[in-house]
Amino acid sequence: MQQSDFLNIVMPFKDKVYRLAKRLLVSNEEAEDATQEVLLKLWDKNEQMSKYKNVEAFAMTMTKNFCLDKLKSKQASNLKLVHSNYKDENVSLQKQVELNDSLDWMQRIMETLPEQQRMVIQLRDVEQYDFDEIAEMLEMKPTAVRVALSRARKAVREELIKKHNYGVS
């Protein structure tokens, strides 16, 4: 496979690989490193790429496995927490503070979810994969994906309700 063909296949989902790595590893730097590693591994397998019916799903599975291995390794102690700050010059300071607070809360809530639920909600609600694709990536049955997603959404909803009702009495 030519380099240009490889890039045409891989580039459309490169950002999704990064976002999944970021969700699992938290650090921007670690997610960038993981993305590069996955892309290198894909390049090493480029001769067999035509055998895969869904290269994107294969890449997402590789990303998940790579990140989980990294978290289990000794390097996990070196991971540092880095929060993303979304900036929009047209947004007032108050709105930006509220947005950052909401993103921070969502990040904290997502981090409390069990690993499987965290990955399912990321892949479904953020990356917009369908249930069959998620099932294939995570090696689960589609019904198990639906159950995990339902539980994850319920947990997020309950935490948000607690947060918003905390100051109201």
N, C-alpha and C. Protein backbone atom coordinates (compact mmCIF):
# COMPACT_ATOMS: atom_id res chain seq x y z
N MET A 1 0.85 -1.18 0.00
CA MET A 1 0.00 0.00 0.00
C MET A 1 0.90 1.24 0.00
N GLN A 2 0.54 2.17 -0.82
CA GLN A 2 1.29 3.43 -0.92
C GLN A 2 1.02 4.30 0.32
N GLN A 3 1.95 5.18 0.60
CA GLN A 3 1.80 6.07 1.74
C GLN A 3 0.56 6.95 1.60
N SER A 4 0.30 7.44 0.40
CA SER A 4 -0.88 8.30 0.20
C SER A 4 -2.18 7.53 0.44
N ASP A 5 -2.23 6.26 0.00
CA ASP A 5 -3.41 5.43 0.25
C ASP A 5 -3.61 5.23 1.75
N PHE A 6 -2.51 4.95 2.44
CA PHE A 6 -2.56 4.76 3.89
C PHE A 6 -3.10 6.02 4.57
N LEU A 7 -2.57 7.17 4.20
CA LEU A 7 -3.02 8.42 4.80
C LEU A 7 -4.49 8.69 4.52
N ASN A 8 -4.96 8.37 3.31
CA ASN A 8 -6.37 8.56 2.97
C ASN A 8 -7.28 7.70 3.83
N ILE A 9 -6.80 6.53 4.21
CA ILE A 9 -7.60 5.63 5.05
C ILE A 9 -7.57 6.08 6.51
N VAL A 10 -6.39 6.44 7.00
CA VAL A 10 -6.17 6.69 8.43
C VAL A 10 -6.54 8.10 8.88
N MET A 11 -6.27 9.10 8.08
CA MET A 11 -6.45 10.48 8.53
C MET A 11 -7.89 10.83 8.94
N PRO A 12 -8.92 10.30 8.28
CA PRO A 12 -10.28 10.68 8.70
C PRO A 12 -10.63 10.31 10.15
N PHE A 13 -9.99 9.29 10.71
CA PHE A 13 -10.33 8.90 12.08
C PHE A 13 -9.19 9.14 13.08
N LYS A 14 -8.16 9.81 12.66
CA LYS A 14 -7.02 10.09 13.56
C LYS A 14 -7.46 10.86 14.80
N ASP A 15 -8.33 11.84 14.65
CA ASP A 15 -8.79 12.63 15.80
C ASP A 15 -9.61 11.78 16.77
N LYS A 16 -10.36 10.82 16.26
CA LYS A 16 -11.13 9.93 17.13
C LYS A 16 -10.19 9.07 17.97
N VAL A 17 -9.11 8.61 17.35
CA VAL A 17 -8.11 7.83 18.07
C VAL A 17 -7.54 8.68 19.21
N TYR A 18 -7.21 9.93 18.89
CA TYR A 18 -6.67 10.84 19.91
C TYR A 18 -7.67 11.05 21.05
N ARG A 19 -8.93 11.30 20.71
CA ARG A 19 -9.93 11.58 21.76
C ARG A 19 -10.14 10.37 22.67
N LEU A 20 -10.14 9.17 22.10
CA LEU A 20 -10.27 7.98 22.95
C LEU A 20 -9.04 7.84 23.84
N ALA A 21 -7.86 8.06 23.28
CA ALA A 21 -6.63 7.99 24.09
C ALA A 21 -6.66 9.04 25.20
N LYS A 22 -7.14 10.24 24.87
CA LYS A 22 -7.22 11.32 25.86
C LYS A 22 -8.20 10.96 26.97
N ARG A 23 -9.32 10.35 26.60
CA ARG A 23 -10.31 9.95 27.60
C ARG A 23 -9.71 8.92 28.56
N LEU A 24 -8.91 8.02 28.04
CA LEU A 24 -8.34 6.97 28.87
C LEU A 24 -7.10 7.42 29.64
N LEU A 25 -6.27 8.22 28.99
CA LEU A 25 -4.98 8.59 29.60
C LEU A 25 -5.00 9.96 30.27
N VAL A 26 -6.00 10.78 29.98
CA VAL A 26 -6.23 12.11 30.54
C VAL A 26 -5.24 13.16 30.02
N SER A 27 -3.97 12.87 30.02
CA SER A 27 -2.95 13.84 29.62
C SER A 27 -2.93 14.04 28.11
N ASN A 28 -2.85 15.30 27.67
CA ASN A 28 -2.75 15.60 26.23
C ASN A 28 -1.50 14.96 25.64
N GLU A 29 -0.39 15.10 26.36
CA GLU A 29 0.88 14.57 25.85
C GLU A 29 0.84 13.05 25.70
N GLU A 30 0.31 12.38 26.71
CA GLU A 30 0.21 10.92 26.66
C GLU A 30 -0.72 10.48 25.53
N ALA A 31 -1.81 11.21 25.32
CA ALA A 31 -2.75 10.88 24.26
C ALA A 31 -2.10 11.07 22.89
N GLU A 32 -1.32 12.14 22.74
CA GLU A 32 -0.61 12.36 21.47
C GLU A 32 0.39 11.23 21.21
N ASP A 33 1.13 10.84 22.26
CA ASP A 33 2.09 9.74 22.12
C ASP A 33 1.37 8.44 21.73
N ALA A 34 0.26 8.18 22.38
CA ALA A 34 -0.51 6.96 22.10
C ALA A 34 -1.02 6.97 20.65
N THR A 35 -1.50 8.12 20.21
CA THR A 35 -1.99 8.24 18.83
C THR A 35 -0.86 7.94 17.85
N GLN A 36 0.30 8.50 18.10
CA GLN A 36 1.45 8.24 17.22
C GLN A 36 1.81 6.75 17.22
N GLU A 37 1.80 6.13 18.38
CA GLU A 37 2.12 4.70 18.47
C GLU A 37 1.12 3.85 17.67
N VAL A 38 -0.15 4.18 17.82
CA VAL A 38 -1.18 3.42 17.09
C VAL A 38 -1.00 3.61 15.59
N LEU A 39 -0.74 4.84 15.15
CA LEU A 39 -0.55 5.09 13.72
C LEU A 39 0.68 4.35 13.20
N LEU A 40 1.74 4.32 13.99
CA LEU A 40 2.93 3.56 13.59
C LEU A 40 2.64 2.07 13.47
N LYS A 41 1.87 1.55 14.44
CA LYS A 41 1.51 0.13 14.38
C LYS A 41 0.63 -0.16 13.16
N LEU A 42 -0.26 0.76 12.85
CA LEU A 42 -1.08 0.60 11.64
C LEU A 42 -0.21 0.60 10.39
N TRP A 43 0.76 1.50 10.34
CA TRP A 43 1.66 1.56 9.19
C TRP A 43 2.42 0.24 9.06
N ASP A 44 2.86 -0.33 10.19
CA ASP A 44 3.56 -1.61 10.15
C ASP A 44 2.66 -2.71 9.60
N LYS A 45 1.35 -2.57 9.79
CA LYS A 45 0.40 -3.58 9.33
C LYS A 45 -0.25 -3.18 8.00
N ASN A 46 0.30 -2.18 7.32
CA ASN A 46 -0.38 -1.66 6.13
C ASN A 46 -0.54 -2.68 5.02
N GLU A 47 0.32 -3.68 4.96
CA GLU A 47 0.18 -4.71 3.92
C GLU A 47 -1.06 -5.58 4.17
N GLN A 48 -1.41 -5.77 5.44
CA GLN A 48 -2.58 -6.60 5.76
C GLN A 48 -3.86 -5.77 5.90
N MET A 49 -3.77 -4.46 5.75
CA MET A 49 -4.91 -3.59 6.01
C MET A 49 -6.13 -3.92 5.15
N SER A 50 -5.91 -4.38 3.95
CA SER A 50 -7.05 -4.69 3.08
C SER A 50 -7.86 -5.88 3.61
N LYS A 51 -7.26 -6.66 4.50
CA LYS A 51 -7.97 -7.81 5.08
C LYS A 51 -8.98 -7.39 6.14
N TYR A 52 -8.80 -6.20 6.71
CA TYR A 52 -9.71 -5.74 7.77
C TYR A 52 -10.94 -5.12 7.13
N LYS A 53 -12.11 -5.55 7.59
CA LYS A 53 -13.33 -4.99 6.99
C LYS A 53 -13.62 -3.58 7.50
N ASN A 54 -13.11 -3.25 8.71
CA ASN A 54 -13.31 -1.92 9.26
C ASN A 54 -12.01 -1.47 9.93
N VAL A 55 -11.19 -0.76 9.19
CA VAL A 55 -9.88 -0.32 9.68
C VAL A 55 -10.05 0.63 10.87
N GLU A 56 -11.07 1.48 10.82
CA GLU A 56 -11.30 2.42 11.91
C GLU A 56 -11.59 1.69 13.22
N ALA A 57 -12.46 0.70 13.16
CA ALA A 57 -12.78 -0.09 14.37
C ALA A 57 -11.53 -0.80 14.87
N PHE A 58 -10.74 -1.32 13.95
CA PHE A 58 -9.49 -1.98 14.32
C PHE A 58 -8.56 -1.00 15.02
N ALA A 59 -8.46 0.20 14.49
CA ALA A 59 -7.59 1.23 15.08
C ALA A 59 -8.08 1.63 16.47
N MET A 60 -9.40 1.75 16.63
CA MET A 60 -9.95 2.12 17.94
C MET A 60 -9.68 1.00 18.96
N THR A 61 -9.79 -0.25 18.53
CA THR A 61 -9.48 -1.37 19.42
C THR A 61 -8.00 -1.34 19.79
N MET A 62 -7.14 -1.08 18.81
CA MET A 62 -5.71 -0.96 19.09
C MET A 62 -5.45 0.16 20.10
N THR A 63 -6.14 1.27 19.93
CA THR A 63 -5.97 2.41 20.83
C THR A 63 -6.39 2.03 22.25
N LYS A 64 -7.55 1.43 22.36
CA LYS A 64 -8.04 1.01 23.68
C LYS A 64 -7.03 0.09 24.34
N ASN A 65 -6.58 -0.92 23.62
CA ASN A 65 -5.64 -1.89 24.20
C ASN A 65 -4.31 -1.24 24.56
N PHE A 66 -3.81 -0.38 23.69
CA PHE A 66 -2.54 0.30 23.95
C PHE A 66 -2.65 1.15 25.22
N CYS A 67 -3.73 1.92 25.33
CA CYS A 67 -3.91 2.80 26.48
C CYS A 67 -4.08 2.01 27.78
N LEU A 68 -4.84 0.93 27.72
CA LEU A 68 -5.02 0.12 28.92
C LEU A 68 -3.71 -0.52 29.34
N ASP A 69 -2.93 -0.97 28.36
CA ASP A 69 -1.60 -1.52 28.68
C ASP A 69 -0.73 -0.45 29.32
N LYS A 70 -0.79 0.75 28.77
CA LYS A 70 0.02 1.86 29.30
C LYS A 70 -0.39 2.19 30.73
N LEU A 71 -1.69 2.18 30.99
CA LEU A 71 -2.18 2.48 32.34
C LEU A 71 -1.75 1.40 33.33
N LYS A 72 -1.67 0.17 32.86
CA LYS A 72 -1.28 -0.93 33.75
C LYS A 72 0.23 -0.98 33.97
N SER A 73 0.98 -0.36 33.09
CA SER A 73 2.44 -0.42 33.18
C SER A 73 2.97 0.54 34.25
N LYS A 74 4.24 0.48 34.45
CA LYS A 74 4.89 1.37 35.43
C LYS A 74 4.77 2.82 35.01
N GLN A 75 4.60 3.06 33.72
CA GLN A 75 4.50 4.43 33.23
C GLN A 75 3.25 5.12 33.75
N ALA A 76 2.27 4.35 34.21
CA ALA A 76 1.02 4.94 34.67
C ALA A 76 1.26 5.92 35.81
N SER A 77 2.26 5.66 36.63
CA SER A 77 2.52 6.57 37.74
C SER A 77 3.05 7.92 37.25
N ASN A 78 3.53 7.96 36.02
CA ASN A 78 4.06 9.20 35.47
C ASN A 78 3.01 10.04 34.77
N LEU A 79 1.81 9.50 34.58
CA LEU A 79 0.76 10.26 33.89
C LEU A 79 0.35 11.44 34.76
N LYS A 80 0.19 12.57 34.13
CA LYS A 80 -0.21 13.74 34.89
C LYS A 80 -1.56 14.25 34.39
N LEU A 81 -2.30 14.80 35.31
CA LEU A 81 -3.63 15.30 34.99
C LEU A 81 -3.51 16.66 34.33
N VAL A 82 -4.05 16.76 33.13
CA VAL A 82 -4.02 18.02 32.40
C VAL A 82 -5.44 18.30 31.93
N HIS A 83 -5.99 19.42 32.35
CA HIS A 83 -7.35 19.76 31.93
C HIS A 83 -7.32 20.59 30.66
N SER A 84 -8.27 20.35 29.81
CA SER A 84 -8.40 21.14 28.60
C SER A 84 -9.17 22.41 28.91
N ASN A 85 -8.73 23.49 28.36
CA ASN A 85 -9.46 24.74 28.49
C ASN A 85 -9.90 25.17 27.10
N TYR A 86 -11.20 25.27 26.92
CA TYR A 86 -11.74 25.68 25.63
C TYR A 86 -11.90 27.18 25.64
N LYS A 87 -11.33 27.86 24.65
CA LYS A 87 -11.36 29.31 24.63
C LYS A 87 -12.12 29.81 23.41
N ASP A 88 -12.96 30.75 23.65
CA ASP A 88 -13.70 31.42 22.58
C ASP A 88 -13.71 32.90 22.92
N GLU A 89 -13.10 33.68 22.08
CA GLU A 89 -12.93 35.11 22.37
C GLU A 89 -14.27 35.83 22.48
N ASN A 90 -15.33 35.28 21.88
CA ASN A 90 -16.63 35.94 21.89
C ASN A 90 -17.45 35.62 23.14
N VAL A 91 -16.95 34.75 23.98
CA VAL A 91 -17.69 34.33 25.16
C VAL A 91 -17.28 35.21 26.34
N SER A 92 -18.26 35.66 27.10
CA SER A 92 -17.96 36.49 28.25
C SER A 92 -17.19 35.69 29.29
N LEU A 93 -16.52 36.38 30.17
CA LEU A 93 -15.75 35.71 31.21
C LEU A 93 -16.66 34.82 32.06
N GLN A 94 -17.83 35.31 32.41
CA GLN A 94 -18.77 34.52 33.21
C GLN A 94 -19.15 33.24 32.49
N LYS A 95 -19.47 33.35 31.21
CA LYS A 95 -19.84 32.16 30.43
C LYS A 95 -18.66 31.19 30.35
N GLN A 96 -17.47 31.72 30.17
CA GLN A 96 -16.29 30.86 30.08
C GLN A 96 -16.05 30.13 31.40
N VAL A 97 -16.22 30.82 32.51
CA VAL A 97 -16.06 30.19 33.82
C VAL A 97 -17.10 29.08 33.98
N GLU A 98 -18.34 29.36 33.59
CA GLU A 98 -19.40 28.35 33.68
C GLU A 98 -19.10 27.16 32.78
N LEU A 99 -18.65 27.44 31.56
CA LEU A 99 -18.32 26.37 30.63
C LEU A 99 -17.19 25.51 31.18
N ASN A 100 -16.12 26.16 31.67
CA ASN A 100 -15.00 25.40 32.24
C ASN A 100 -15.43 24.59 33.44
N ASP A 101 -16.32 25.16 34.28
CA ASP A 101 -16.83 24.44 35.44
C ASP A 101 -17.63 23.22 35.00
N SER A 102 -18.47 23.39 33.99
CA SER A 102 -19.27 22.26 33.49
C SER A 102 -18.39 21.17 32.89
N LEU A 103 -17.40 21.57 32.10
CA LEU A 103 -16.48 20.60 31.51
C LEU A 103 -15.69 19.88 32.59
N ASP A 104 -15.28 20.63 33.61
CA ASP A 104 -14.53 20.05 34.71
C ASP A 104 -15.39 19.03 35.46
N TRP A 105 -16.65 19.38 35.71
CA TRP A 105 -17.56 18.46 36.39
C TRP A 105 -17.78 17.20 35.55
N MET A 106 -18.00 17.38 34.27
CA MET A 106 -18.22 16.21 33.40
C MET A 106 -16.98 15.32 33.39
N GLN A 107 -15.81 15.94 33.33
CA GLN A 107 -14.57 15.17 33.35
C GLN A 107 -14.48 14.36 34.64
N ARG A 108 -14.76 14.99 35.77
CA ARG A 108 -14.70 14.30 37.06
C ARG A 108 -15.73 13.17 37.14
N ILE A 109 -16.93 13.45 36.66
CA ILE A 109 -17.98 12.42 36.68
C ILE A 109 -17.56 11.24 35.80
N MET A 110 -17.07 11.54 34.60
CA MET A 110 -16.65 10.47 33.68
C MET A 110 -15.53 9.62 34.30
N GLU A 111 -14.63 10.26 35.03
CA GLU A 111 -13.52 9.54 35.64
C GLU A 111 -13.98 8.60 36.75
N THR A 112 -15.17 8.85 37.33
CA THR A 112 -15.66 7.97 38.40
C THR A 112 -16.35 6.73 37.84
N LEU A 113 -16.69 6.76 36.56
CA LEU A 113 -17.36 5.61 35.96
C LEU A 113 -16.41 4.43 35.85
N PRO A 114 -16.96 3.22 35.91
CA PRO A 114 -16.11 2.05 35.63
C PRO A 114 -15.54 2.17 34.21
N GLU A 115 -14.39 1.59 34.01
CA GLU A 115 -13.65 1.74 32.76
C GLU A 115 -14.51 1.40 31.53
N GLN A 116 -15.23 0.30 31.59
CA GLN A 116 -16.03 -0.12 30.44
C GLN A 116 -17.12 0.91 30.13
N GLN A 117 -17.80 1.40 31.16
CA GLN A 117 -18.85 2.41 30.95
C GLN A 117 -18.25 3.69 30.39
N ARG A 118 -17.07 4.07 30.88
CA ARG A 118 -16.40 5.28 30.41
C ARG A 118 -16.09 5.16 28.92
N MET A 119 -15.60 4.00 28.50
CA MET A 119 -15.27 3.81 27.08
C MET A 119 -16.53 3.78 26.22
N VAL A 120 -17.57 3.12 26.71
CA VAL A 120 -18.82 3.03 25.93
C VAL A 120 -19.43 4.41 25.74
N ILE A 121 -19.51 5.20 26.80
CA ILE A 121 -20.12 6.53 26.67
C ILE A 121 -19.26 7.42 25.78
N GLN A 122 -17.95 7.29 25.86
CA GLN A 122 -17.05 8.07 24.98
C GLN A 122 -17.29 7.69 23.52
N LEU A 123 -17.30 6.39 23.23
CA LEU A 123 -17.44 5.94 21.85
C LEU A 123 -18.83 6.25 21.28
N ARG A 124 -19.86 6.14 22.10
CA ARG A 124 -21.23 6.35 21.61
C ARG A 124 -21.60 7.84 21.58
N ASP A 125 -21.46 8.52 22.71
CA ASP A 125 -21.97 9.88 22.82
C ASP A 125 -21.01 10.94 22.30
N VAL A 126 -19.72 10.66 22.35
CA VAL A 126 -18.75 11.64 21.87
C VAL A 126 -18.33 11.33 20.44
N GLU A 127 -17.94 10.08 20.21
CA GLU A 127 -17.43 9.71 18.89
C GLU A 127 -18.53 9.29 17.91
N GLN A 128 -19.74 9.06 18.41
CA GLN A 128 -20.91 8.75 17.57
C GLN A 128 -20.83 7.41 16.83
N TYR A 129 -20.17 6.41 17.42
CA TYR A 129 -20.16 5.09 16.81
C TYR A 129 -21.49 4.41 17.08
N ASP A 130 -21.88 3.48 16.20
CA ASP A 130 -23.11 2.74 16.47
C ASP A 130 -22.80 1.55 17.37
N PHE A 131 -23.85 0.92 17.88
CA PHE A 131 -23.69 -0.12 18.89
C PHE A 131 -22.88 -1.31 18.38
N ASP A 132 -23.09 -1.70 17.14
CA ASP A 132 -22.36 -2.84 16.60
C ASP A 132 -20.86 -2.55 16.50
N GLU A 133 -20.52 -1.33 16.10
CA GLU A 133 -19.10 -0.95 16.02
C GLU A 133 -18.45 -0.95 17.40
N ILE A 134 -19.17 -0.41 18.38
CA ILE A 134 -18.64 -0.38 19.74
C ILE A 134 -18.48 -1.81 20.26
N ALA A 135 -19.47 -2.64 20.00
CA ALA A 135 -19.41 -4.04 20.43
C ALA A 135 -18.17 -4.73 19.86
N GLU A 136 -17.91 -4.47 18.59
CA GLU A 136 -16.73 -5.07 17.95
C GLU A 136 -15.44 -4.54 18.56
N MET A 137 -15.37 -3.23 18.77
CA MET A 137 -14.15 -2.62 19.32
C MET A 137 -13.85 -3.11 20.72
N LEU A 138 -14.90 -3.20 21.54
CA LEU A 138 -14.70 -3.55 22.95
C LEU A 138 -14.90 -5.04 23.21
N GLU A 139 -15.14 -5.79 22.14
CA GLU A 139 -15.35 -7.24 22.25
C GLU A 139 -16.47 -7.55 23.24
N MET A 140 -17.61 -6.91 23.00
CA MET A 140 -18.81 -7.08 23.83
C MET A 140 -19.98 -7.41 22.91
N LYS A 141 -21.05 -7.89 23.49
CA LYS A 141 -22.28 -8.08 22.73
C LYS A 141 -22.99 -6.72 22.67
N PRO A 142 -23.71 -6.46 21.55
CA PRO A 142 -24.42 -5.17 21.44
C PRO A 142 -25.37 -4.90 22.61
N THR A 143 -26.01 -5.93 23.13
CA THR A 143 -26.91 -5.71 24.28
C THR A 143 -26.11 -5.29 25.51
N ALA A 144 -24.91 -5.84 25.68
CA ALA A 144 -24.06 -5.45 26.80
C ALA A 144 -23.61 -4.00 26.65
N VAL A 145 -23.37 -3.59 25.40
CA VAL A 145 -23.01 -2.19 25.14
C VAL A 145 -24.16 -1.28 25.54
N ARG A 146 -25.38 -1.66 25.15
CA ARG A 146 -26.56 -0.84 25.49
C ARG A 146 -26.74 -0.73 27.01
N VAL A 147 -26.55 -1.85 27.71
CA VAL A 147 -26.70 -1.85 29.17
C VAL A 147 -25.63 -0.96 29.80
N ALA A 148 -24.37 -1.11 29.35
CA ALA A 148 -23.28 -0.31 29.91
C ALA A 148 -23.52 1.18 29.64
N LEU A 149 -23.99 1.51 28.43
CA LEU A 149 -24.28 2.91 28.09
C LEU A 149 -25.40 3.45 28.97
N SER A 150 -26.45 2.67 29.14
CA SER A 150 -27.57 3.08 29.97
C SER A 150 -27.12 3.35 31.40
N ARG A 151 -26.31 2.45 31.94
CA ARG A 151 -25.82 2.62 33.31
C ARG A 151 -24.90 3.84 33.41
N ALA A 152 -24.07 4.03 32.41
CA ALA A 152 -23.16 5.18 32.42
C ALA A 152 -23.94 6.49 32.38
N ARG A 153 -24.92 6.56 31.48
CA ARG A 153 -25.73 7.77 31.37
C ARG A 153 -26.50 8.04 32.66
N LYS A 154 -27.03 6.97 33.26
CA LYS A 154 -27.77 7.11 34.51
C LYS A 154 -26.84 7.64 35.61
N ALA A 155 -25.64 7.11 35.70
CA ALA A 155 -24.69 7.56 36.71
C ALA A 155 -24.32 9.03 36.50
N VAL A 156 -24.08 9.41 35.25
CA VAL A 156 -23.76 10.81 34.93
C VAL A 156 -24.93 11.70 35.30
N ARG A 157 -26.13 11.29 34.91
CA ARG A 157 -27.33 12.08 35.20
C ARG A 157 -27.51 12.26 36.71
N GLU A 158 -27.34 11.17 37.48
CA GLU A 158 -27.51 11.26 38.93
C GLU A 158 -26.48 12.19 39.57
N GLU A 159 -25.25 12.13 39.10
CA GLU A 159 -24.20 13.01 39.63
C GLU A 159 -24.49 14.47 39.29
N LEU A 160 -24.98 14.72 38.07
CA LEU A 160 -25.31 16.10 37.69
C LEU A 160 -26.48 16.62 38.52
N ILE A 161 -27.47 15.78 38.76
CA ILE A 161 -28.61 16.18 39.59
C ILE A 161 -28.14 16.51 41.00
N LYS A 162 -27.26 15.66 41.54
CA LYS A 162 -26.71 15.91 42.88
C LYS A 162 -25.97 17.25 42.91
N LYS A 163 -25.16 17.49 41.89
CA LYS A 163 -24.37 18.73 41.83
C LYS A 163 -25.29 19.94 41.78
N HIS A 164 -26.30 19.89 40.93
CA HIS A 164 -27.17 21.05 40.73
C HIS A 164 -28.15 21.25 41.89
N ASN A 165 -28.48 20.19 42.62
CA ASN A 165 -29.41 20.31 43.75
C ASN A 165 -28.69 20.56 45.06
N TYR A 166 -27.37 20.45 45.05
CA TYR A 166 -26.59 20.59 46.27
C TYR A 166 -26.79 21.96 46.91
N GLY A 167 -26.72 23.00 46.12
CA GLY A 167 -26.83 24.37 46.66
C GLY A 167 -28.26 24.81 46.85
N VAL A 168 -29.23 24.03 46.37
CA VAL A 168 -30.65 24.41 46.46
C VAL A 168 -31.28 23.70 47.65
N SER A 169 -31.75 24.48 48.66
CA SER A 169 -32.44 23.84 49.78
C SER A 169 -33.50 24.72 50.34
